[in-house]
C-alpha atoms as a PDB file:
ATOM      1  CA  VAL A   1      18.938   6.086 -14.915  1.00  0.00           C
ATOM      2  CA  ARG A   2      19.586   4.451 -18.295  1.00  0.00           C
ATOM      3  CA  LYS A   3      23.362   4.870 -17.903  1.00  0.00           C
ATOM      4  CA  GLY A   4      23.165   2.965 -14.629  1.00  0.00           C
ATOM      5  CA  ASP A   5      24.253   5.898 -12.452  1.00  0.00           C
ATOM      6  CA  PHE A   6      21.792   4.801  -9.746  1.00  0.00           C
ATOM      7  CA  GLY A   7      22.432   1.108 -10.218  1.00  0.00           C
ATOM      8  CA  ASP A   8      19.442  -1.119 -10.912  1.00  0.00           C
ATOM      9  CA  PRO A   9      16.288   1.040 -10.553  1.00  0.00           C
ATOM     10  CA  ARG A  10      14.016  -0.755  -8.086  1.00  0.00           C
ATOM     11  CA  ILE A  11      11.489   1.704  -6.646  1.00  0.00           C
ATOM     12  CA  PHE A  12       9.437   4.584  -8.048  1.00  0.00           C
ATOM     13  CA  SER A  13       7.298   6.803  -5.839  1.00  0.00           C
ATOM     14  CA  SER A  14       5.250   9.856  -6.833  1.00  0.00           C
ATOM     15  CA  VAL A  15       2.638  12.332  -5.593  1.00  0.00           C
ATOM     16  CA  PHE A  16       0.610  14.601  -7.890  1.00  0.00           C
ATOM     17  CA  THR A  17      -2.207  16.618  -6.326  1.00  0.00           C
ATOM     18  CA  GLN A  18      -4.441  19.592  -7.101  1.00  0.00           C
ATOM     19  CA  ASP A  19      -6.973  21.560  -5.064  1.00  0.00           C
ATOM     20  CA  LEU A  20      -9.851  21.470  -7.534  1.00  0.00           C
ATOM     21  CA  LYS A  21     -12.544  24.144  -7.382  1.00  0.00           C
ATOM     22  CA  PRO A  22     -16.310  23.330  -7.605  1.00  0.00           C
ATOM     23  CA  GLU A  23     -16.778  25.099 -10.952  1.00  0.00           C
ATOM     24  CA  ASN A  24     -14.028  23.122 -12.681  1.00  0.00           C
ATOM     25  CA  HIS A  25     -15.499  20.773 -15.325  1.00  0.00           C
ATOM     26  CA  ARG A  26     -13.293  17.941 -14.079  1.00  0.00           C
ATOM     27  CA  ALA A  27     -15.183  17.987 -10.762  1.00  0.00           C
ATOM     28  CA  LYS A  28     -18.470  16.950 -12.347  1.00  0.00           C
ATOM     29  CA  ASN A  29     -18.107  13.767 -14.380  1.00  0.00           C
ATOM     30  CA  GLY A  30     -16.985  10.848 -12.213  1.00  0.00           C
ATOM     31  CA  PHE A  31     -13.950   8.629 -12.747  1.00  0.00           C
ATOM     32  CA  ASP A  32     -13.477   9.453 -16.414  1.00  0.00           C
ATOM     33  CA  SER A  33     -12.749  13.119 -15.668  1.00  0.00           C
ATOM     34  CA  GLY A  34     -11.138  12.321 -12.322  1.00  0.00           C
ATOM     35  CA  PRO A  35      -7.544  12.332 -11.123  1.00  0.00           C
ATOM     36  CA  ILE A  36      -6.450   9.025 -12.676  1.00  0.00           C
ATOM     37  CA  PRO A  37      -7.250   9.749 -16.369  1.00  0.00           C
ATOM     38  CA  ASP A  38      -6.145  13.371 -15.875  1.00  0.00           C
ATOM     39  CA  ILE A  39      -3.041  13.637 -13.692  1.00  0.00           C
ATOM     40  CA  GLY A  40      -2.484   9.906 -13.124  1.00  0.00           C
ATOM     41  CA  THR A  41      -1.133   9.591 -16.649  1.00  0.00           C
ATOM     42  CA  TYR A  42       1.957  11.590 -15.626  1.00  0.00           C
ATOM     43  CA  PRO A  43       3.421   9.116 -13.087  1.00  0.00           C
ATOM     44  CA  ILE A  44       2.199   6.159 -15.160  1.00  0.00           C
ATOM     45  CA  ASN A  45       4.045   7.382 -18.243  1.00  0.00           C
ATOM     46  CA  ALA A  46       7.061   8.482 -16.222  1.00  0.00           C
ATOM     47  CA  VAL A  47       7.672   5.145 -14.534  1.00  0.00           C
ATOM     48  CA  ARG A  48       7.030   3.116 -17.679  1.00  0.00           C
ATOM     49  CA  ASN A  49       9.755   5.029 -19.490  1.00  0.00           C
ATOM     50  CA  ILE A  50      12.139   5.345 -16.529  1.00  0.00           C
ATOM     51  CA  PHE A  51      12.059   1.604 -15.900  1.00  0.00           C
ATOM     52  CA  GLY A  52      11.836   0.924 -19.647  1.00  0.00           C
ATOM     53  CA  LEU A  53       9.298  -1.777 -18.849  1.00  0.00           C
ATOM     54  CA  GLU A  54       5.549  -2.382 -18.829  1.00  0.00           C
ATOM     55  CA  PRO A  55       3.694  -3.198 -15.579  1.00  0.00           C
ATOM     56  CA  THR A  56       2.362  -6.689 -14.967  1.00  0.00           C
ATOM     57  CA  GLU A  57       0.014  -6.044 -12.017  1.00  0.00           C
ATOM     58  CA  VAL A  58      -2.097  -3.101 -10.819  1.00  0.00           C
ATOM     59  CA  THR A  59      -3.637  -2.492  -7.396  1.00  0.00           C
ATOM     60  CA  ALA A  60      -5.633   0.660  -6.590  1.00  0.00           C
ATOM     61  CA  VAL A  61      -7.365   2.011  -3.486  1.00  0.00           C
ATOM     62  CA  GLY A  62      -9.654   5.053  -3.533  1.00  0.00           C
ATOM     63  CA  PHE A  63     -10.577   7.624  -0.896  1.00  0.00           C
ATOM     64  CA  LYS A  64     -13.225  10.353  -0.558  1.00  0.00           C
ATOM     65  CA  THR A  65     -12.097  13.493   1.266  1.00  0.00           C
ATOM     66  CA  PRO A  66     -14.605  14.788   3.866  1.00  0.00           C
ATOM     67  CA  GLY A  67     -16.122  18.140   2.901  1.00  0.00           C
ATOM     68  CA  ARG A  68     -15.485  17.665  -0.831  1.00  0.00           C
ATOM     69  CA  GLU A  69     -18.981  16.525  -1.798  1.00  0.00           C
ATOM     70  CA  PHE A  70     -18.874  18.917  -4.776  1.00  0.00           C
ATOM     71  CA  LEU A  71     -16.356  16.548  -6.377  1.00  0.00           C
ATOM     72  CA  LYS A  72     -18.844  14.342  -8.221  1.00  0.00           C
ATOM     73  CA  MET A  73     -16.795  11.168  -8.169  1.00  0.00           C
ATOM     74  CA  GLU A  74     -16.590   8.168  -5.875  1.00  0.00           C
ATOM     75  CA  HIS A  75     -12.879   8.744  -5.191  1.00  0.00           C
ATOM     76  CA  ASP A  76     -11.124  12.123  -5.272  1.00  0.00           C
ATOM     77  CA  THR A  77      -7.864  10.611  -4.024  1.00  0.00           C
ATOM     78  CA  ILE A  78      -6.423   7.366  -5.398  1.00  0.00           C
ATOM     79  CA  SER A  79      -3.328   5.398  -4.444  1.00  0.00           C
ATOM     80  CA  VAL A  80      -1.902   2.941  -6.983  1.00  0.00           C
ATOM     81  CA  THR A  81       0.746   0.223  -6.804  1.00  0.00           C
ATOM     82  CA  LEU A  82       2.270  -1.210  -9.982  1.00  0.00           C
ATOM     83  CA  ARG A  83       4.388  -4.347 -10.174  1.00  0.00           C
ATOM     84  CA  PHE A  84       6.990  -4.498 -12.939  1.00  0.00           C
ATOM     85  CA  PRO A  85       9.153  -7.334 -14.269  1.00  0.00           C
ATOM     86  CA  GLY A  86      12.078  -8.192 -12.008  1.00  0.00           C
ATOM     87  CA  ASP A  87       9.946  -7.420  -8.927  1.00  0.00           C
ATOM     88  CA  ARG A  88      10.322  -3.673  -9.387  1.00  0.00           C
ATOM     89  CA  VAL A  89       7.620  -1.591  -7.739  1.00  0.00           C
ATOM     90  CA  ALA A  90       5.984   1.778  -8.392  1.00  0.00           C
ATOM     91  CA  GLN A  91       3.606   3.586  -6.083  1.00  0.00           C
ATOM     92  CA  PHE A  92       1.833   6.875  -6.714  1.00  0.00           C
ATOM     93  CA  THR A  93      -0.995   8.917  -5.228  1.00  0.00           C
ATOM     94  CA  VAL A  94      -3.076  11.458  -7.140  1.00  0.00           C
ATOM     95  CA  SER A  95      -5.748  13.740  -5.717  1.00  0.00           C
ATOM     96  CA  TYR A  96      -8.149  16.560  -6.540  1.00  0.00           C
ATOM     97  CA  ALA A  97      -8.555  17.426  -2.845  1.00  0.00           C
ATOM     98  CA  ALA A  98      -5.153  18.530  -1.562  1.00  0.00           C
ATOM     99  CA  ALA A  99      -2.661  21.358  -1.887  1.00  0.00           C
ATOM    100  CA  GLY A 100      -0.912  21.288  -5.245  1.00  0.00           C
ATOM    101  CA  THR A 101       2.301  19.304  -5.476  1.00  0.00           C
ATOM    102  CA  ASP A 102       4.055  17.198  -8.121  1.00  0.00           C
ATOM    103  CA  CYS A 103       7.163  15.123  -7.524  1.00  0.00           C
ATOM    104  CA  TYR A 104       8.651  11.686  -8.022  1.00  0.00           C
ATOM    105  CA  LYS A 105      11.595   9.702  -6.704  1.00  0.00           C
ATOM    106  CA  VAL A 106      13.487   6.783  -8.199  1.00  0.00           C
ATOM    107  CA  VAL A 107      15.595   4.578  -5.930  1.00  0.00           C
ATOM    108  CA  GLY A 108      18.206   2.222  -7.319  1.00  0.00           C
ATOM    109  CA  THR A 109      20.818  -0.083  -5.854  1.00  0.00           C
ATOM    110  CA  LYS A 110      23.507   2.658  -5.899  1.00  0.00           C
ATOM    111  CA  GLY A 111      21.561   5.863  -5.337  1.00  0.00           C
ATOM    112  CA  ASP A 112      18.408   7.868  -5.923  1.00  0.00           C
ATOM    113  CA  ILE A 113      16.999  10.866  -7.783  1.00  0.00           C
ATOM    114  CA  GLU A 114      14.161  13.118  -6.607  1.00  0.00           C
ATOM    115  CA  VAL A 115      12.418  15.429  -9.108  1.00  0.00           C
ATOM    116  CA  ASN A 116      10.394  18.375  -7.756  1.00  0.00           C
ATOM    117  CA  PRO A 117       8.570  19.926  -9.506  1.00  0.00           C
ATOM    118  CA  ALA A 118       8.248  17.065 -11.943  1.00  0.00           C
ATOM    119  CA  TYR A 119       5.163  17.380 -14.143  1.00  0.00           C
ATOM    120  CA  THR A 120       3.883  20.961 -14.293  1.00  0.00           C
ATOM    121  CA  TRP A 121       4.854  23.808 -16.608  1.00  0.00           C
ATOM    122  CA  GLY A 122       4.368  27.510 -17.203  1.00  0.00           C
ATOM    123  CA  SER A 123       5.676  30.819 -15.939  1.00  0.00           C
ATOM    124  CA  GLY A 124       7.865  30.420 -12.880  1.00  0.00           C
ATOM    125  CA  VAL A 125       7.971  26.613 -13.116  1.00  0.00           C
ATOM    126  CA  LYS A 126      11.444  25.123 -13.385  1.00  0.00           C
ATOM    127  CA  ILE A 127      11.775  21.358 -13.254  1.00  0.00           C
ATOM    128  CA  ALA A 128      14.525  20.444 -10.799  1.00  0.00           C
ATOM    129  CA  TYR A 129      16.135  17.345  -9.356  1.00  0.00           C
ATOM    130  CA  LYS A 130      18.411  16.212  -6.553  1.00  0.00           C
ATOM    131  CA  THR A 131      20.578  13.112  -6.737  1.00  0.00           C
ATOM    132  CA  LYS A 132      22.478  10.983  -4.268  1.00  0.00           C
ATOM    133  CA  ILE A 133      24.892   8.407  -5.664  1.00  0.00           C
ATOM    134  CA  ASP A 134      27.153   6.389  -3.370  1.00  0.00           C
ATOM    135  CA  GLY A 135      26.635   9.075  -0.741  1.00  0.00           C
ATOM    136  CA  LYS A 136      27.540  12.022  -3.015  1.00  0.00           C
ATOM    137  CA  GLU A 137      24.786  14.625  -3.472  1.00  0.00           C
ATOM    138  CA  ASP A 138      24.143  16.862  -6.476  1.00  0.00           C
ATOM    139  CA  SER A 139      21.302  18.943  -7.937  1.00  0.00           C
ATOM    140  CA  LYS A 140      20.171  20.682 -11.111  1.00  0.00           C
ATOM    141  CA  THR A 141      17.439  23.147 -12.068  1.00  0.00           C
ATOM    142  CA  PHE A 142      16.280  23.512 -15.664  1.00  0.00           C
ATOM    143  CA  PRO A 143      15.154  26.815 -17.204  1.00  0.00           C
ATOM    144  CA  GLU A 144      11.522  27.614 -17.957  1.00  0.00           C
ATOM    145  CA  THR A 145      10.519  25.765 -21.115  1.00  0.00           C
ATOM    146  CA  ASP A 146       7.537  26.092 -23.433  1.00  0.00           C
ATOM    147  CA  GLN A 147       6.469  22.450 -23.431  1.00  0.00           C
ATOM    148  CA  PHE A 148       3.487  22.936 -25.725  1.00  0.00           C
ATOM    149  CA  GLY A 149       5.662  24.866 -28.167  1.00  0.00           C
ATOM    150  CA  GLY A 150       8.107  21.975 -28.158  1.00  0.00           C
ATOM    151  CA  GLU A 151       5.314  19.489 -28.813  1.00  0.00           C
ATOM    152  CA  THR A 152       4.013  21.555 -31.720  1.00  0.00           C
ATOM    153  CA  GLU A 153       7.451  22.019 -33.243  1.00  0.00           C
ATOM    154  CA  TYR A 154       8.308  18.320 -32.950  1.00  0.00           C
ATOM    155  CA  PHE A 155       4.983  17.122 -34.374  1.00  0.00           C
ATOM    156  CA  SER A 156       5.316  19.595 -37.247  1.00  0.00           C
ATOM    157  CA  GLU A 157       8.786  18.201 -38.013  1.00  0.00           C
ATOM    158  CA  CYS A 158       7.328  14.675 -38.100  1.00  0.00           C
ATOM    159  CA  ILE A 159       4.709  15.799 -40.632  1.00  0.00           C
ATOM    160  CA  LEU A 160       7.206  17.667 -42.790  1.00  0.00           C
ATOM    161  CA  ASN A 161       9.713  14.804 -42.730  1.00  0.00           C
ATOM    162  CA  ASN A 162       7.096  12.022 -42.941  1.00  0.00           C
ATOM    163  CA  THR A 163       8.408  10.306 -39.804  1.00  0.00           C
ATOM    164  CA  ASP A 164       6.511   8.519 -37.032  1.00  0.00           C
ATOM    165  CA  PRO A 165       6.310  10.526 -33.807  1.00  0.00           C
ATOM    166  CA  GLU A 166       7.572   9.311 -30.466  1.00  0.00           C
ATOM    167  CA  ALA A 167       5.367   9.207 -28.439  1.00  0.00           C
ATOM    168  CA  ASP A 168       2.986   7.498 -30.863  1.00  0.00           C
ATOM    169  CA  GLY A 169      -0.426   5.859 -30.594  1.00  0.00           C
ATOM    170  CA  GLU A 170       0.988   2.698 -29.056  1.00  0.00           C
ATOM    171  CA  GLU A 171       2.561   4.733 -26.271  1.00  0.00           C
ATOM    172  CA  GLY A 172      -0.780   6.301 -25.406  1.00  0.00           C
ATOM    173  CA  LEU A 173      -2.566   2.963 -25.625  1.00  0.00           C
ATOM    174  CA  LEU A 174      -0.180   1.401 -23.088  1.00  0.00           C
ATOM    175  CA  ASP A 175      -1.010   4.186 -20.621  1.00  0.00           C
ATOM    176  CA  VAL A 176      -4.724   3.555 -21.226  1.00  0.00           C
ATOM    177  CA  HIS A 177      -4.303  -0.167 -20.469  1.00  0.00           C
ATOM    178  CA  VAL A 178      -2.995   0.779 -17.021  1.00  0.00           C
ATOM    179  CA  ILE A 179      -5.769   3.330 -16.440  1.00  0.00           C
ATOM    180  CA  LEU A 180      -8.454   0.738 -17.265  1.00  0.00           C
ATOM    181  CA  ALA A 181      -6.811  -1.764 -14.907  1.00  0.00           C
ATOM    182  CA  ILE A 182      -6.849   0.865 -12.132  1.00  0.00           C
ATOM    183  CA  LYS A 183     -10.556   1.431 -12.761  1.00  0.00           C
ATOM    184  CA  GLU A 184     -11.175  -2.323 -12.586  1.00  0.00           C
ATOM    185  CA  SER A 185      -9.202  -2.626  -9.332  1.00  0.00           C
ATOM    186  CA  LEU A 186     -11.168   0.238  -7.743  1.00  0.00           C
ATOM    187  CA  LYS A 187     -14.473  -1.389  -8.686  1.00  0.00           C
ATOM    188  CA  ALA A 188     -13.246  -4.628  -7.054  1.00  0.00           C
ATOM    189  CA  ASN A 189     -12.305  -2.836  -3.794  1.00  0.00           C
ATOM    190  CA  GLY A 190      -8.566  -2.941  -4.344  1.00  0.00           C
ATOM    191  CA  LYS A 191      -8.246  -6.354  -5.957  1.00  0.00           C
ATOM    192  CA  THR A 192      -4.968  -6.837  -7.832  1.00  0.00           C
ATOM    193  CA  VAL A 193      -5.474  -6.870 -11.598  1.00  0.00           C
ATOM    194  CA  LYS A 194      -2.992  -8.760 -13.765  1.00  0.00           C
ATOM    195  CA  LEU A 195      -1.988  -7.212 -17.077  1.00  0.00           C
ATOM    196  CA  GLU A 196      -1.135  -9.001 -20.296  1.00  0.00           C
ATOM    197  CA  ALA A 197       2.619  -9.056 -20.863  1.00  0.00           C
ATOM    198  CA  ARG A 198       3.597  -6.275 -23.235  1.00  0.00           C
ATOM    199  CA  HIS A 199       6.877  -4.961 -24.619  1.00  0.00           C
ATOM    200  CA  ARG A 200       7.680  -1.661 -26.269  1.00  0.00           C
ATOM    201  CA  ASN A 201      10.848  -1.274 -28.312  1.00  0.00           C
ATOM    202  CA  LYS A 202      10.740   2.514 -28.683  1.00  0.00           C
ATOM    203  CA  ARG A 203      11.334   4.953 -25.821  1.00  0.00           C
ATOM    204  CA  PRO A 204      11.921   8.722 -25.661  1.00  0.00           C
ATOM    205  CA  VAL A 205      15.548   9.762 -26.233  1.00  0.00           C
ATOM    206  CA  LEU A 206      17.468  12.887 -25.231  1.00  0.00           C
ATOM    207  CA  ASP A 207      17.762  14.008 -28.864  1.00  0.00           C
ATOM    208  CA  GLN A 208      14.032  14.801 -28.755  1.00  0.00           C
ATOM    209  CA  ALA A 209      14.441  17.443 -26.041  1.00  0.00           C
ATOM    210  CA  LYS A 210      13.289  20.936 -27.036  1.00  0.00           C
ATOM    211  CA  LYS A 211      14.494  24.077 -25.274  1.00  0.00           C
ATOM    212  CA  LEU A 212      12.093  26.775 -26.449  1.00  0.00           C
ATOM    213  CA  SER A 213      11.810  29.838 -24.250  1.00  0.00           C
ATOM    214  CA  LEU A 214       8.425  30.415 -22.651  1.00  0.00           C
ATOM    215  CA  ALA A 215       5.990  32.107 -25.033  1.00  0.00           C
ATOM    216  CA  LYS A 216       4.277  35.340 -24.034  1.00  0.00           C
ATOM    217  CA  GLN A 217       0.613  35.143 -23.072  1.00  0.00           C
ATOM    218  CA  PRO A 218      -1.668  36.460 -25.835  1.00  0.00           C
ATOM    219  CA  LYS A 219      -3.382  39.794 -25.196  1.00  0.00           C
ATOM    220  CA  HIS A 220      -6.723  38.572 -26.539  1.00  0.00           C
ATOM    221  CA  PHE A 221      -8.544  35.263 -26.213  1.00  0.00           C
ATOM    222  CA  ILE A 222     -11.518  33.851 -28.104  1.00  0.00           C
ATOM    223  CA  GLY A 223     -14.083  31.127 -27.498  1.00  0.00           C
ATOM    224  CA  ARG A 224     -13.838  29.156 -24.259  1.00  0.00           C
ATOM    225  CA  ASP A 225     -10.452  30.775 -23.536  1.00  0.00           C
ATOM    226  CA  SER A 226     -11.939  34.277 -23.440  1.00  0.00           C
ATOM    227  CA  GLN A 227     -12.643  33.874 -19.716  1.00  0.00           C
ATOM    228  CA  LYS A 228      -9.761  33.475 -17.333  1.00  0.00           C
ATOM    229  CA  PRO A 229      -9.830  29.905 -15.976  1.00  0.00           C
ATOM    230  CA  SER A 230     -10.072  29.346 -12.252  1.00  0.00           C
ATOM    231  CA  THR A 231      -7.011  28.057 -10.441  1.00  0.00           C
ATOM    232  CA  GLY A 232      -6.979  24.319  -9.936  1.00  0.00           C
END
């Protein structure tokens, strides 16, 4: 995208859903443990860094899935539209009440890229994408990667070398600004919320990529991890 292979990136679209079980702690604490602060951060962060811009407007609409009363939140499914400078648009839907899926698509003036799976990790998960540029199609699948191992290694290097990490606190704060605007829009029944103009000079770069093989699961667990978590 940054090289301009797809032309000017204009549209971002994403779906990230999970079928949450009643006993899951995220099902019990309203918006703040709901799909936006949890899995909504993935498409928010993705589009901010793919476009290399910060959104200027947020509009959100929430839905409650019939039969999912155990999800103690007003909305278990939320659809969000973000406006970016240059009249670029991003749309994503996140849900705790649907079969699991995670994907996104970026459409530019010369082509598009579709990533599926896009956000998840672990054994058997290989992030993959398909591209179409000026009518020519291509695809690539990445190997399994230990993402948490990569995070730990990178953060350790920052400590040892006394360097600021990327992503840093500002990066997280910019995601939170969007999340709070989504919450405000939901409370106002889908009213568009304007965001203060912001600019971020730093963005992730390819040199940061880590390619650690997937770690083996420990034989013994302690504390809250001693019980196998439920799926979802």
